[in-house]
């Protein structure tokens, strides 16, 4: 289950989707690797942050009401509260629709449950 809700009271700003995160434990460290003139590399590592993760999910045959609610949240809120199997987060959602499938992508900003 995934729930999306507005960050302030809004009777129209909440939805629960019967879906799961496709990539719940993806992780990546911030940094870069640069080639040096001597044939080696210079590694710049700035660590790990929740904000480096984008979670993805898909819903087959979404209802029109679901699509309208998600579009409403995306249109009127720069960030939403996201609750799913990996925790509660503040995130920036986006969606695409491909034939009969809703593809939901949420860029995590911060963790709310720790």
Protein backbone atom coordinates (compact mmCIF):
# COMPACT_ATOMS: atom_id res chain seq x y z
CA UNK A 1 0.00 0.00 0.00
CA UNK A 2 1.12 3.52 -0.80
CA UNK A 3 -0.57 6.58 0.59
CA UNK A 4 -0.10 10.13 -0.65
CA UNK A 5 -1.45 13.08 1.27
CA UNK A 6 -1.20 16.85 1.38
CA UNK A 7 1.10 18.42 3.96
CA UNK A 8 -1.78 20.45 5.41
CA UNK A 9 -5.44 19.68 6.00
CA UNK A 10 -7.18 19.13 2.67
CA UNK A 11 -10.21 16.80 2.38
CA UNK A 12 -9.44 16.28 -1.32
CA UNK A 13 -5.72 15.76 -0.79
CA UNK A 14 -5.31 12.13 0.19
CA UNK A 15 -5.27 8.77 -1.57
CA UNK A 16 -4.34 5.18 -0.76
CA UNK A 17 -3.16 3.04 -3.68
CA UNK A 18 -3.14 -0.75 -3.72
CA UNK A 19 0.40 -0.91 -5.03
CA UNK A 20 3.93 -1.59 -3.88
CA UNK A 21 7.26 0.12 -4.46
CA UNK A 22 9.19 -1.51 -7.31
CA UNK A 23 12.60 -0.43 -5.95
CA UNK A 24 12.22 -0.10 -2.17
CA UNK A 25 15.85 -0.59 -1.21
CA UNK A 26 17.75 1.17 -3.98
CA UNK A 27 20.63 3.19 -2.57
CA UNK A 28 23.42 5.28 -4.00
CA UNK A 29 26.13 7.46 -2.47
CA UNK A 30 26.70 11.00 -3.64
CA UNK A 31 30.02 11.62 -5.28
CA UNK A 32 32.05 11.46 -8.43
CA UNK A 33 35.06 9.70 -9.92
CA UNK A 34 37.41 11.75 -12.08
CA UNK A 35 40.26 10.37 -14.19
CA UNK A 36 43.66 11.85 -13.38
CA UNK A 37 46.60 12.48 -15.71
CA UNK A 38 48.72 9.76 -14.08
CA UNK A 39 46.19 7.08 -15.11
CA UNK A 40 44.50 6.84 -11.72
CA UNK A 41 41.32 8.35 -10.39
CA UNK A 42 40.28 10.95 -7.88
CA UNK A 43 37.26 9.94 -5.81
CA UNK A 44 35.00 12.56 -4.24
CA UNK A 45 32.53 10.96 -1.82
CA UNK A 46 29.92 13.07 -0.02
CA UNK A 47 27.99 10.20 1.54
CA UNK A 48 24.43 8.93 1.47
CA UNK A 49 21.20 10.88 1.67
CA UNK A 50 17.54 9.82 1.53
CA UNK A 51 17.08 12.62 -1.00
CA UNK A 52 19.10 10.65 -3.56
CA UNK A 53 16.37 8.02 -3.91
CA UNK A 54 13.44 8.05 -6.31
CA UNK A 55 10.87 5.36 -5.60
CA UNK A 56 8.69 3.98 -8.38
CA UNK A 57 5.43 2.11 -8.54
CA UNK A 58 2.83 1.20 -11.11
CA UNK A 59 -0.91 0.59 -10.94
CA UNK A 60 -2.79 -1.37 -13.60
CA UNK A 61 -6.21 0.00 -14.53
CA UNK A 62 -6.31 3.00 -12.19
CA UNK A 63 -9.69 4.56 -11.56
CA UNK A 64 -10.47 8.00 -12.89
CA UNK A 65 -10.91 9.23 -9.30
CA UNK A 66 -7.40 7.99 -8.43
CA UNK A 67 -5.89 9.75 -11.43
CA UNK A 68 -7.68 12.99 -10.60
CA UNK A 69 -6.60 12.89 -6.94
CA UNK A 70 -2.95 12.25 -7.81
CA UNK A 71 -3.02 14.98 -10.45
CA UNK A 72 -4.58 17.32 -7.89
CA UNK A 73 -1.79 16.60 -5.39
CA UNK A 74 0.90 17.12 -8.01
CA UNK A 75 -0.73 20.34 -9.25
CA UNK A 76 -1.31 22.04 -5.91
CA UNK A 77 1.43 20.76 -3.59
CA UNK A 78 5.17 21.03 -4.20
CA UNK A 79 5.74 18.17 -1.73
CA UNK A 80 3.44 15.48 -0.32
CA UNK A 81 3.58 13.01 2.53
CA UNK A 82 4.30 9.50 1.26
CA UNK A 83 3.75 6.42 3.42
CA UNK A 84 4.71 2.97 2.15
CA UNK A 85 6.36 -0.27 3.25
CA UNK A 86 9.76 1.40 3.69
CA UNK A 87 8.58 4.31 5.86
CA UNK A 88 7.07 7.79 5.88
CA UNK A 89 8.66 10.49 3.76
CA UNK A 90 8.22 13.93 2.30
CA UNK A 91 8.42 13.57 -1.47
CA UNK A 92 7.90 15.18 -4.85
CA UNK A 93 5.57 13.03 -6.96
CA UNK A 94 5.19 12.75 -10.71
CA UNK A 95 3.06 10.45 -12.82
CA UNK A 96 2.76 9.19 -16.35
CA UNK A 97 0.13 7.02 -17.95
CA UNK A 98 1.02 4.38 -20.52
CA UNK A 99 -2.07 2.71 -22.00
CA UNK A 100 -3.72 1.06 -18.95
CA UNK A 101 -0.90 1.60 -16.44
CA UNK A 102 -0.26 4.51 -14.09
CA UNK A 103 3.47 4.95 -13.44
CA UNK A 104 4.15 6.83 -10.23
CA UNK A 105 7.58 8.24 -9.42
CA UNK A 106 8.36 9.98 -6.12
CA UNK A 107 11.62 11.80 -5.41
CA UNK A 108 12.18 11.50 -1.67
CA UNK A 109 13.14 14.70 0.15
CA UNK A 110 13.31 13.73 3.82
CA UNK A 111 12.33 10.96 6.18
CA UNK A 112 9.47 11.71 8.58
CA UNK A 113 9.39 8.58 10.76
CA UNK A 114 12.85 8.56 12.27
